[in-house]
Amino acid sequence: MKIINTLIISRIDQLRGYFKNEIFSNTVASILVRITRLLLNFGSSLLLARLLSKTELGVYFNVITLVSFLVIIARVGLPALLVREIAACKAQHDYSSIKALLSFSNIFVVVSSLVVCTFAAGWMISTQKTGNYESALPYLIGFSLITLDALRSVRLSAMQGLGKVAMGQYPDSINSPRLLMCSATSLIFCFDNYLNASWLLVSQFISLLVSLALGVYLLQINLPRQLKKIQPQYQIKYWLKSSIPLGFLDLSQNTNRRIDVVMLASLLGPSSVASYFIIDRLVFLVRFILASINTNIAPAISGDFASGNLERLQKIISKSTQISCLSATAVSIFFMVFGHWVLLLFGESYTVDFNALRLFSLVQLTQAIVGPVGILLSMTGNARFTSAITLAVIPIKIILNYLLIPRFGLEGSAIAAIVCVVFSSFAAWLFVKSRTGINTLEMYQKIFNLRIRNN
């Protein structure tokens, strides 16, 4: 009882200070935006699962996966660089560098994304039989999203670096899924209740275009006034040198996340991809608090680490880990108990994936327990180590998927993910602690030590 009372009193004292803290206030706003996004994504996933066959939905998600790879190649790590450099430049009142970096990033991603799009479209057309382009049509439509998505990521990162996280998330988190549902529903009425992957990607293009326009407007009105009066100072060589490791990290992490999709599609077919993405949308609930916190603490990590304020940084990380762990545990338990009925909302055919939902929930819970080790490495100049861990995990994941998916289906993919996440998360934790002195598991050690003293 003494332990519980001590913990409750300490948490009340902490909460009094939290609401006076800018990071905490921004995180609460970001979480509210993300909750709205979750509800809208849940609604859109539910709608799509009911309107499309599992095969067509699987094709759609296959295209989105390929597009996400190509977008990462096109943006070459610039989003993470924007967050880090804009936050640092803002703290130092270096507005000329902010202006130059924004200008360079926009021009670079437009040119690079157009090049990537051209090569991807040429490759797709060359692999099809003459006159038979029906199967390639969804991919060709999807490639038109590359430039828009690359610009979207630049805008979002700029808003994050400026500290306008919740406002920056609004166009993508709330407006885009809402537009997607509206445009998809409109197409149903226009084409006599017929909707396939190609038309759904057209809806995606429309929603992304409108959201990007709104996002650009919000960025313009939130840029510091000083940017209008000064000349930009370009550091292109330094930016490219810094962004390439971040881009490599981004690509390796995305490969690690989405290699499951590629292997499920090749070993089991598109319908398994549809099941995977429905589960992925659901288990995002487990990690969404951690994702919201990571978005908001990234500028603080960069600033505090650069200034040597490690004591404050440790407090931020400990609080972040505590909140994300508690929320992830609650959501995981919910899915363990009620997951069957949640999947039933999407259709009877999805209920067979209940065990996979349980296992994938454990994957996200593990990441929440270990804490924001990935963002710590990226924002403290240790992105290369994260890339090394991820690259080491990818072949392990491919081998495990190859062995387990044919035998256990989607559950096999989840088992492979659990093994890889446990290895990568704790390897990253050890490296973060040794290189920066920051311990993301400090909360658990304090609880353990408190119990020992009271005993």
Protein backbone atom coordinates (compact mmCIF):
# COMPACT_ATOMS: atom_id res chain seq x y z
CA MET A 1 0.00 0.00 0.00
CA LYS A 2 2.87 2.35 0.82
CA ILE A 3 4.34 1.82 -2.64
CA ILE A 4 1.01 2.64 -4.34
CA ASN A 5 0.49 5.82 -2.25
CA THR A 6 4.04 6.99 -2.95
CA LEU A 7 3.61 6.45 -6.68
CA ILE A 8 0.19 8.21 -6.77
CA ILE A 9 1.48 11.28 -4.89
CA SER A 10 4.53 11.54 -7.14
CA ARG A 11 2.37 11.25 -10.28
CA ILE A 12 -0.03 14.00 -9.07
CA ASP A 13 2.90 16.35 -8.47
CA GLN A 14 4.24 15.58 -11.92
CA LEU A 15 0.87 16.17 -13.61
CA ARG A 16 0.69 19.68 -12.07
CA GLY A 17 3.89 20.56 -13.87
CA TYR A 18 3.00 18.77 -17.11
CA PHE A 19 0.26 21.21 -18.10
CA LYS A 20 2.70 24.11 -17.76
CA ASN A 21 5.13 22.34 -20.08
CA GLU A 22 5.09 23.27 -23.78
CA ILE A 23 6.08 19.78 -24.91
CA PHE A 24 3.29 18.21 -22.87
CA SER A 25 0.70 20.70 -24.18
CA ASN A 26 1.78 20.08 -27.77
CA THR A 27 1.68 16.32 -27.18
CA VAL A 28 -1.88 16.50 -25.82
CA ALA A 29 -2.95 18.51 -28.88
CA SER A 30 -1.15 16.06 -31.15
CA ILE A 31 -2.82 13.10 -29.43
CA LEU A 32 -6.26 14.68 -29.92
CA VAL A 33 -5.51 15.11 -33.63
CA ARG A 34 -4.27 11.54 -33.87
CA ILE A 35 -7.34 10.20 -32.06
CA THR A 36 -9.51 11.94 -34.65
CA ARG A 37 -7.28 10.48 -37.36
CA LEU A 38 -7.63 7.01 -35.84
CA LEU A 39 -11.41 7.28 -35.85
CA LEU A 40 -11.43 8.50 -39.46
CA ASN A 41 -8.95 5.81 -40.56
CA PHE A 42 -11.02 3.20 -38.78
CA GLY A 43 -14.10 4.49 -40.59
CA SER A 44 -12.36 4.55 -43.97
CA SER A 45 -10.91 1.04 -43.47
CA LEU A 46 -14.33 -0.25 -42.45
CA LEU A 47 -15.91 1.37 -45.50
CA LEU A 48 -13.28 0.02 -47.90
CA ALA A 49 -13.44 -3.49 -46.43
CA ARG A 50 -17.19 -3.48 -47.01
CA LEU A 51 -17.09 -1.94 -50.49
CA LEU A 52 -14.16 -3.83 -52.03
CA SER A 53 -13.39 -7.51 -52.29
CA LYS A 54 -10.39 -8.74 -50.32
CA THR A 55 -8.43 -9.15 -53.57
CA GLU A 56 -9.07 -5.58 -54.79
CA LEU A 57 -8.31 -4.17 -51.36
CA GLY A 58 -5.09 -6.19 -51.32
CA VAL A 59 -4.07 -4.75 -54.71
CA TYR A 60 -4.74 -1.23 -53.41
CA PHE A 61 -2.55 -1.77 -50.34
CA ASN A 62 0.15 -3.36 -52.51
CA VAL A 63 0.30 -0.20 -54.61
CA ILE A 64 0.38 2.04 -51.54
CA THR A 65 3.29 -0.03 -50.16
CA LEU A 66 5.29 0.33 -53.38
CA VAL A 67 4.55 4.07 -53.53
CA SER A 68 5.78 4.49 -49.94
CA PHE A 69 9.11 2.89 -50.90
CA LEU A 70 9.50 5.18 -53.91
CA VAL A 71 8.60 8.29 -51.91
CA ILE A 72 11.34 7.48 -49.39
CA ILE A 73 13.85 7.12 -52.23
CA ALA A 74 12.73 10.47 -53.68
CA ARG A 75 12.96 12.48 -50.47
CA VAL A 76 16.43 11.12 -49.46
CA GLY A 77 16.03 11.68 -45.70
CA LEU A 78 15.11 15.36 -46.00
CA PRO A 79 12.05 15.20 -43.67
CA ALA A 80 14.10 14.05 -40.66
CA LEU A 81 16.80 16.60 -41.54
CA LEU A 82 14.16 19.35 -41.70
CA VAL A 83 12.88 18.58 -38.22
CA ARG A 84 16.37 18.54 -36.73
CA GLU A 85 17.83 21.55 -38.54
CA ILE A 86 14.77 23.82 -38.36
CA ALA A 87 14.41 23.18 -34.62
CA ALA A 88 18.11 23.91 -34.08
CA CYS A 89 18.11 27.00 -36.34
CA LYS A 90 14.97 28.35 -34.69
CA ALA A 91 16.59 28.03 -31.26
CA GLN A 92 19.64 29.94 -32.58
CA HIS A 93 17.51 32.49 -34.52
CA ASP A 94 19.22 31.44 -37.76
CA TYR A 95 16.29 32.29 -40.05
CA SER A 96 18.36 32.58 -43.22
CA SER A 97 19.23 28.87 -43.00
CA ILE A 98 15.57 27.95 -42.41
CA LYS A 99 14.53 29.87 -45.53
CA ALA A 100 17.25 28.25 -47.63
CA LEU A 101 16.54 24.74 -46.35
CA LEU A 102 12.81 25.00 -47.08
CA SER A 103 13.47 26.28 -50.61
CA PHE A 104 16.08 23.62 -51.33
CA SER A 105 13.92 20.79 -49.94
CA ASN A 106 10.89 21.66 -52.05
CA ILE A 107 12.87 21.94 -55.28
CA PHE A 108 14.87 18.79 -54.57
CA VAL A 109 11.91 16.51 -53.80
CA VAL A 110 9.94 17.73 -56.83
CA VAL A 111 12.81 16.96 -59.20
CA SER A 112 13.78 13.66 -57.54
CA SER A 113 10.18 12.42 -57.28
CA LEU A 114 9.50 13.15 -60.95
CA VAL A 115 12.63 11.19 -61.90
CA VAL A 116 11.61 8.27 -59.66
CA CYS A 117 8.04 8.36 -61.02
CA THR A 118 9.27 8.31 -64.64
CA PHE A 119 11.58 5.35 -64.06
CA ALA A 120 8.93 3.44 -62.10
CA ALA A 121 6.27 3.97 -64.78
CA GLY A 122 8.70 2.97 -67.55
CA TRP A 123 9.65 -0.19 -65.67
CA MET A 124 6.02 -1.12 -65.04
CA ILE A 125 5.02 -0.64 -68.69
CA SER A 126 8.05 -2.59 -69.95
CA THR A 127 7.13 -5.62 -67.83
CA GLN A 128 3.59 -5.87 -69.25
CA LYS A 129 2.58 -7.76 -72.34
CA THR A 130 1.86 -5.56 -75.38
CA GLY A 131 -1.67 -4.16 -75.23
CA ASN A 132 -2.40 -5.73 -71.85
CA TYR A 133 -1.99 -2.94 -69.31
CA GLU A 134 -5.04 -3.59 -67.14
CA SER A 135 -3.06 -5.15 -64.28
CA ALA A 136 -0.55 -2.26 -64.41
CA LEU A 137 -3.21 0.48 -64.29
CA PRO A 138 -3.47 0.69 -60.46
CA TYR A 139 0.32 1.01 -60.21
CA LEU A 140 0.51 3.72 -62.89
CA ILE A 141 -2.18 5.71 -61.10
CA GLY A 142 -0.38 5.15 -57.81
CA PHE A 143 2.87 6.55 -59.18
CA SER A 144 1.13 9.92 -59.59
CA LEU A 145 1.00 10.10 -55.77
CA ILE A 146 4.80 10.11 -55.40
CA THR A 147 5.42 13.84 -55.93
CA LEU A 148 2.42 14.89 -53.83
CA ASP A 149 3.40 12.59 -50.98
CA ALA A 150 7.04 13.74 -51.04
CA LEU A 151 5.96 17.40 -50.82
CA ARG A 152 3.52 16.49 -48.07
CA SER A 153 6.32 14.98 -45.97
CA VAL A 154 8.49 18.09 -46.44
CA ARG A 155 5.64 20.36 -45.32
CA LEU A 156 4.80 18.18 -42.31
CA SER A 157 8.43 18.05 -41.18
CA ALA A 158 8.78 21.82 -41.51
CA MET A 159 5.73 22.35 -39.29
CA GLN A 160 7.12 19.84 -36.79
CA GLY A 161 10.47 21.62 -36.68
CA LEU A 162 8.70 24.94 -36.09
CA GLY A 163 6.84 23.42 -33.14
CA LYS A 164 3.41 23.50 -34.85
CA VAL A 165 2.90 19.75 -34.66
CA ALA A 166 -0.86 19.47 -34.14
CA MET A 167 -1.65 22.06 -36.78
CA GLY A 168 0.78 20.41 -39.19
CA GLN A 169 -0.91 17.05 -38.73
CA TYR A 170 -4.41 18.35 -39.43
CA PRO A 171 -4.42 18.15 -43.27
CA ASP A 172 -3.11 14.57 -43.35
CA SER A 173 -4.62 13.22 -40.15
CA ILE A 174 -8.14 14.62 -40.43
CA ASN A 175 -8.77 16.19 -43.80
CA SER A 176 -7.21 13.49 -46.03
CA PRO A 177 -9.07 10.39 -44.71
CA ARG A 178 -12.31 12.35 -44.66
CA LEU A 179 -11.85 13.35 -48.30
CA LEU A 180 -10.92 9.79 -49.22
CA MET A 181 -14.16 8.46 -47.75
CA CYS A 182 -16.22 11.15 -49.47
CA SER A 183 -14.62 10.69 -52.89
CA ALA A 184 -14.77 6.87 -52.68
CA THR A 185 -18.45 7.01 -51.72
CA SER A 186 -19.12 9.43 -54.58
CA LEU A 187 -17.51 7.04 -57.06
CA ILE A 188 -19.76 4.24 -55.79
CA PHE A 189 -22.83 6.26 -56.70
CA CYS A 190 -21.38 7.40 -60.05
CA PHE A 191 -20.41 3.89 -61.18
CA ASP A 192 -23.40 1.88 -59.99
CA ASN A 193 -21.92 0.41 -56.81
CA TYR A 194 -18.70 -0.65 -58.54
CA LEU A 195 -15.37 0.28 -56.99
CA ASN A 196 -11.97 -1.26 -57.68
CA ALA A 197 -8.36 -0.52 -56.72
CA SER A 198 -7.80 1.88 -59.63
CA TRP A 199 -10.77 4.11 -58.78
CA LEU A 200 -9.81 4.03 -55.12
CA LEU A 201 -6.34 5.32 -56.03
CA VAL A 202 -7.95 8.13 -58.03
CA SER A 203 -9.83 9.04 -54.82
CA GLN A 204 -6.53 8.92 -52.95
CA PHE A 205 -4.96 11.34 -55.45
CA ILE A 206 -7.81 13.83 -55.06
CA SER A 207 -7.73 13.74 -51.26
CA LEU A 208 -3.92 14.06 -51.16
CA LEU A 209 -3.93 17.02 -53.56
CA VAL A 210 -6.52 18.95 -51.52
CA SER A 211 -4.76 18.12 -48.24
CA LEU A 212 -1.40 19.25 -49.65
CA ALA A 213 -2.87 22.60 -50.73
CA LEU A 214 -4.30 23.15 -47.24
CA GLY A 215 -1.03 22.09 -45.65
CA VAL A 216 1.01 24.52 -47.74
CA TYR A 217 -1.32 27.35 -46.72
CA LEU A 218 -0.96 26.49 -43.02
CA LEU A 219 2.84 26.39 -43.36
CA GLN A 220 2.92 29.79 -45.04
CA ILE A 221 0.93 31.51 -42.30
CA ASN A 222 3.08 29.92 -39.57
CA LEU A 223 6.52 30.71 -40.97
CA PRO A 224 8.51 33.23 -38.89
CA ARG A 225 8.11 36.79 -40.15
CA GLN A 226 11.89 37.22 -40.24
CA LEU A 227 12.08 34.91 -43.29
CA LYS A 228 10.60 37.61 -45.53
CA LYS A 229 13.33 40.14 -44.85
CA ILE A 230 16.50 38.06 -45.12
CA GLN A 231 18.49 36.35 -47.82
CA PRO A 232 18.78 32.56 -47.68
CA GLN A 233 22.13 30.97 -46.87
CA TYR A 234 22.45 27.62 -48.61
CA GLN A 235 24.52 24.74 -47.22
CA ILE A 236 23.63 22.17 -49.86
CA LYS A 237 26.73 20.01 -49.42
CA TYR A 238 26.18 19.75 -45.67
CA TRP A 239 22.44 19.06 -46.06
CA LEU A 240 22.94 16.29 -48.58
CA LYS A 241 25.74 14.74 -46.54
CA SER A 242 23.49 14.75 -43.47
CA SER A 243 20.31 13.64 -45.21
CA ILE A 244 21.71 10.57 -46.99
CA PRO A 245 22.26 8.54 -43.76
CA LEU A 246 18.80 9.62 -42.57
CA GLY A 247 17.32 8.59 -45.92
CA PHE A 248 19.07 5.26 -45.75
CA LEU A 249 17.67 4.79 -42.23
CA ASP A 250 14.19 5.74 -43.43
CA LEU A 251 14.39 3.28 -46.32
CA SER A 252 15.74 0.44 -44.19
CA GLN A 253 13.06 0.99 -41.53
CA ASN A 254 10.31 1.07 -44.13
CA THR A 255 11.72 -2.08 -45.73
CA ASN A 256 11.73 -3.73 -42.34
CA ARG A 257 8.09 -2.74 -41.76
CA ARG A 258 6.77 -3.62 -45.20
CA ILE A 259 8.77 -6.68 -46.19
CA ASP A 260 5.88 -8.61 -44.63
CA VAL A 261 3.52 -7.20 -47.28
CA VAL A 262 5.79 -8.25 -50.14
CA MET A 263 6.20 -11.78 -48.79
CA LEU A 264 2.53 -12.22 -47.91
CA ALA A 265 1.54 -11.10 -51.42
CA SER A 266 4.02 -13.49 -53.06
CA LEU A 267 3.36 -16.48 -50.77
CA LEU A 268 -0.37 -16.16 -50.00
CA GLY A 269 -1.83 -13.63 -52.47
CA PRO A 270 -3.51 -10.17 -52.31
CA SER A 271 -6.27 -11.19 -49.88
CA SER A 272 -3.68 -11.79 -47.14
CA VAL A 273 -2.34 -8.28 -47.75
CA ALA A 274 -5.84 -6.89 -47.13
CA SER A 275 -6.00 -8.77 -43.81
CA TYR A 276 -2.53 -7.53 -42.86
CA PHE A 277 -3.40 -3.88 -43.45
CA ILE A 278 -6.70 -4.07 -41.58
CA ILE A 279 -4.82 -5.50 -38.59
CA ASP A 280 -2.07 -2.90 -39.03
CA ARG A 281 -4.65 -0.10 -38.88
CA LEU A 282 -6.06 -1.60 -35.68
CA VAL A 283 -2.77 -2.22 -33.87
CA PHE A 284 -1.72 1.35 -34.59
CA LEU A 285 -3.98 2.07 -31.60
CA VAL A 286 -1.38 0.31 -29.46
CA ARG A 287 1.46 2.59 -30.54
CA PHE A 288 -0.36 5.82 -31.35
CA ILE A 289 0.52 7.49 -28.01
CA LEU A 290 4.19 6.68 -28.57
CA ALA A 291 3.95 7.99 -32.16
CA SER A 292 2.34 11.23 -30.93
CA ILE A 293 5.00 11.70 -28.26
CA ASN A 294 7.86 10.99 -30.70
CA THR A 295 6.58 13.64 -33.08
CA ASN A 296 6.58 16.29 -30.36
CA ILE A 297 9.77 15.44 -28.48
CA ALA A 298 11.99 15.20 -31.58
CA PRO A 299 12.82 18.97 -31.63
CA ALA A 300 13.39 18.92 -27.84
CA ILE A 301 15.75 15.94 -28.11
CA SER A 302 17.78 17.70 -30.78
CA GLY A 303 17.92 20.97 -28.82
CA ASP A 304 18.66 19.49 -25.38
CA PHE A 305 21.29 17.08 -26.67
CA ALA A 306 23.03 19.85 -28.63
CA SER A 307 23.07 22.13 -25.56
CA GLY A 308 24.19 19.32 -23.23
CA ASN A 309 21.04 19.48 -21.09
CA LEU A 310 20.93 15.71 -20.54
CA GLU A 311 19.11 15.89 -17.20
CA ARG A 312 16.08 17.54 -18.79
CA LEU A 313 16.27 15.16 -21.73
CA GLN A 314 16.22 12.14 -19.41
CA LYS A 315 13.08 13.46 -17.70
CA ILE A 316 11.34 13.94 -21.05
CA ILE A 317 12.24 10.40 -22.17
CA SER A 318 11.17 8.81 -18.88
CA LYS A 319 7.79 10.53 -18.95
CA SER A 320 7.30 9.59 -22.59
CA THR A 321 8.06 5.92 -21.94
CA GLN A 322 5.76 5.81 -18.93
CA ILE A 323 2.76 7.27 -20.78
CA SER A 324 3.23 5.18 -23.92
CA CYS A 325 3.69 1.94 -21.96
CA LEU A 326 0.52 2.37 -19.90
CA SER A 327 -1.63 3.27 -22.91
CA ALA A 328 -0.19 0.46 -25.07
CA THR A 329 -0.83 -2.11 -22.35
CA ALA A 330 -4.49 -1.07 -22.03
CA VAL A 331 -5.14 -1.26 -25.78
CA SER A 332 -3.31 -4.58 -26.12
CA ILE A 333 -5.46 -6.15 -23.41
CA PHE A 334 -8.58 -4.86 -25.19
CA PHE A 335 -7.56 -6.55 -28.45
CA MET A 336 -6.64 -9.77 -26.62
CA VAL A 337 -10.19 -9.99 -25.25
CA PHE A 338 -12.45 -8.29 -27.80
CA GLY A 339 -10.42 -8.55 -31.02
CA HIS A 340 -12.79 -11.09 -32.62
CA TRP A 341 -15.75 -8.73 -32.44
CA VAL A 342 -13.68 -5.80 -33.70
CA LEU A 343 -12.63 -7.80 -36.78
CA LEU A 344 -16.23 -8.88 -37.33
CA LEU A 345 -17.07 -5.25 -38.11
CA PHE A 346 -14.95 -5.52 -41.25
CA GLY A 347 -16.61 -8.73 -42.39
CA GLU A 348 -16.84 -12.39 -41.46
CA SER A 349 -13.81 -13.24 -43.62
CA TYR A 350 -11.53 -11.13 -41.36
CA THR A 351 -12.38 -12.91 -38.09
CA VAL A 352 -10.03 -15.80 -38.93
CA ASP A 353 -7.17 -13.34 -38.30
CA PHE A 354 -7.97 -12.91 -34.57
CA ASN A 355 -4.80 -14.69 -33.39
CA ALA A 356 -2.71 -12.60 -35.79
CA LEU A 357 -4.25 -9.45 -34.27
CA ARG A 358 -3.21 -10.63 -30.80
CA LEU A 359 0.34 -11.32 -31.90
CA PHE A 360 0.77 -8.04 -33.78
CA SER A 361 -0.51 -6.22 -30.68
CA LEU A 362 2.40 -7.74 -28.75
CA VAL A 363 4.80 -6.41 -31.40
CA GLN A 364 3.62 -2.84 -30.83
CA LEU A 365 3.51 -3.28 -27.04
CA THR A 366 7.19 -4.29 -27.03
CA GLN A 367 8.14 -1.10 -28.85
CA ALA A 368 6.11 1.02 -26.43
CA ILE A 369 7.73 -0.65 -23.39
CA VAL A 370 11.28 0.02 -24.61
CA GLY A 371 10.41 3.67 -25.40
CA PRO A 372 11.47 6.18 -28.08
CA VAL A 373 14.92 4.70 -28.79
CA GLY A 374 14.59 5.20 -32.55
CA ILE A 375 13.88 8.92 -32.41
CA LEU A 376 16.65 9.32 -29.81
CA LEU A 377 19.20 7.82 -32.17
CA SER A 378 18.01 9.89 -35.14
CA MET A 379 17.96 13.21 -33.26
CA THR A 380 21.35 12.71 -31.57
CA GLY A 381 23.32 12.00 -34.73
CA ASN A 382 23.39 8.21 -34.32
CA ALA A 383 21.14 7.31 -37.23
CA ARG A 384 23.85 5.07 -38.72
CA PHE A 385 23.54 2.63 -35.82
CA THR A 386 19.77 2.42 -36.29
CA SER A 387 20.38 1.65 -39.95
CA ALA A 388 22.86 -1.07 -38.97
CA ILE A 389 20.33 -2.71 -36.61
CA THR A 390 17.57 -2.52 -39.19
CA LEU A 391 19.77 -3.96 -41.92
CA ALA A 392 20.74 -6.81 -39.61
CA VAL A 393 17.06 -7.51 -38.88
CA ILE A 394 15.85 -7.53 -42.51
CA PRO A 395 17.52 -10.83 -43.60
CA ILE A 396 16.41 -12.45 -40.32
CA LYS A 397 12.85 -11.32 -40.97
CA ILE A 398 12.93 -12.56 -44.57
CA ILE A 399 14.16 -16.01 -43.49
CA LEU A 400 11.61 -16.28 -40.67
CA ASN A 401 8.77 -15.13 -42.94
CA TYR A 402 9.81 -17.61 -45.62
CA LEU A 403 9.77 -20.44 -43.08
CA LEU A 404 6.70 -19.43 -41.06
CA ILE A 405 4.21 -17.84 -43.51
CA PRO A 406 3.58 -20.97 -45.65
CA ARG A 407 2.92 -22.98 -42.50
CA PHE A 408 1.14 -20.51 -40.19
CA GLY A 409 -0.09 -17.82 -42.59
CA LEU A 410 -0.49 -14.31 -41.14
CA GLU A 411 0.32 -15.62 -37.64
CA GLY A 412 3.72 -16.71 -38.98
CA SER A 413 4.44 -13.18 -40.12
CA ALA A 414 3.49 -11.89 -36.66
CA ILE A 415 5.82 -14.37 -34.92
CA ALA A 416 8.69 -13.24 -37.17
CA ALA A 417 7.88 -9.61 -36.32
CA ILE A 418 7.95 -10.29 -32.56
CA VAL A 419 11.40 -11.91 -32.74
CA CYS A 420 12.83 -9.04 -34.81
CA VAL A 421 11.28 -6.27 -32.69
CA VAL A 422 12.59 -7.73 -29.43
CA PHE A 423 16.09 -7.98 -30.89
CA SER A 424 16.15 -4.52 -32.54
CA SER A 425 14.48 -2.63 -29.67
CA PHE A 426 16.80 -3.87 -26.95
CA ALA A 427 19.90 -3.53 -29.16
CA ALA A 428 18.93 0.11 -29.78
CA TRP A 429 18.33 0.61 -26.05
CA LEU A 430 21.81 -0.66 -25.17
CA PHE A 431 23.41 1.60 -27.79
CA VAL A 432 21.43 4.69 -26.72
CA LYS A 433 22.38 4.17 -23.10
CA SER A 434 26.08 3.67 -23.86
CA ARG A 435 26.44 6.55 -26.35
CA THR A 436 24.17 9.24 -24.86
CA GLY A 437 23.73 8.21 -21.24
CA ILE A 438 19.94 8.32 -21.67
CA ASN A 439 18.07 5.32 -20.27
CA THR A 440 14.59 4.80 -21.72
CA LEU A 441 13.96 2.00 -19.19
CA GLU A 442 14.75 4.20 -16.16
CA MET A 443 11.10 4.11 -15.04
CA TYR A 444 11.12 0.33 -14.59
CA GLN A 445 14.41 0.42 -12.71
CA LYS A 446 13.04 3.04 -10.30
CA ILE A 447 9.92 0.97 -9.61
CA PHE A 448 12.04 -2.13 -9.06
CA ASN A 449 14.41 -0.30 -6.69
CA LEU A 450 11.48 1.24 -4.77
CA ARG A 451 9.99 -2.19 -4.16
CA ILE A 452 13.33 -3.55 -2.95
CA ARG A 453 13.73 -0.67 -0.46
CA ASN A 454 10.18 -1.07 0.89
CA ASN A 455 10.69 -4.79 1.34
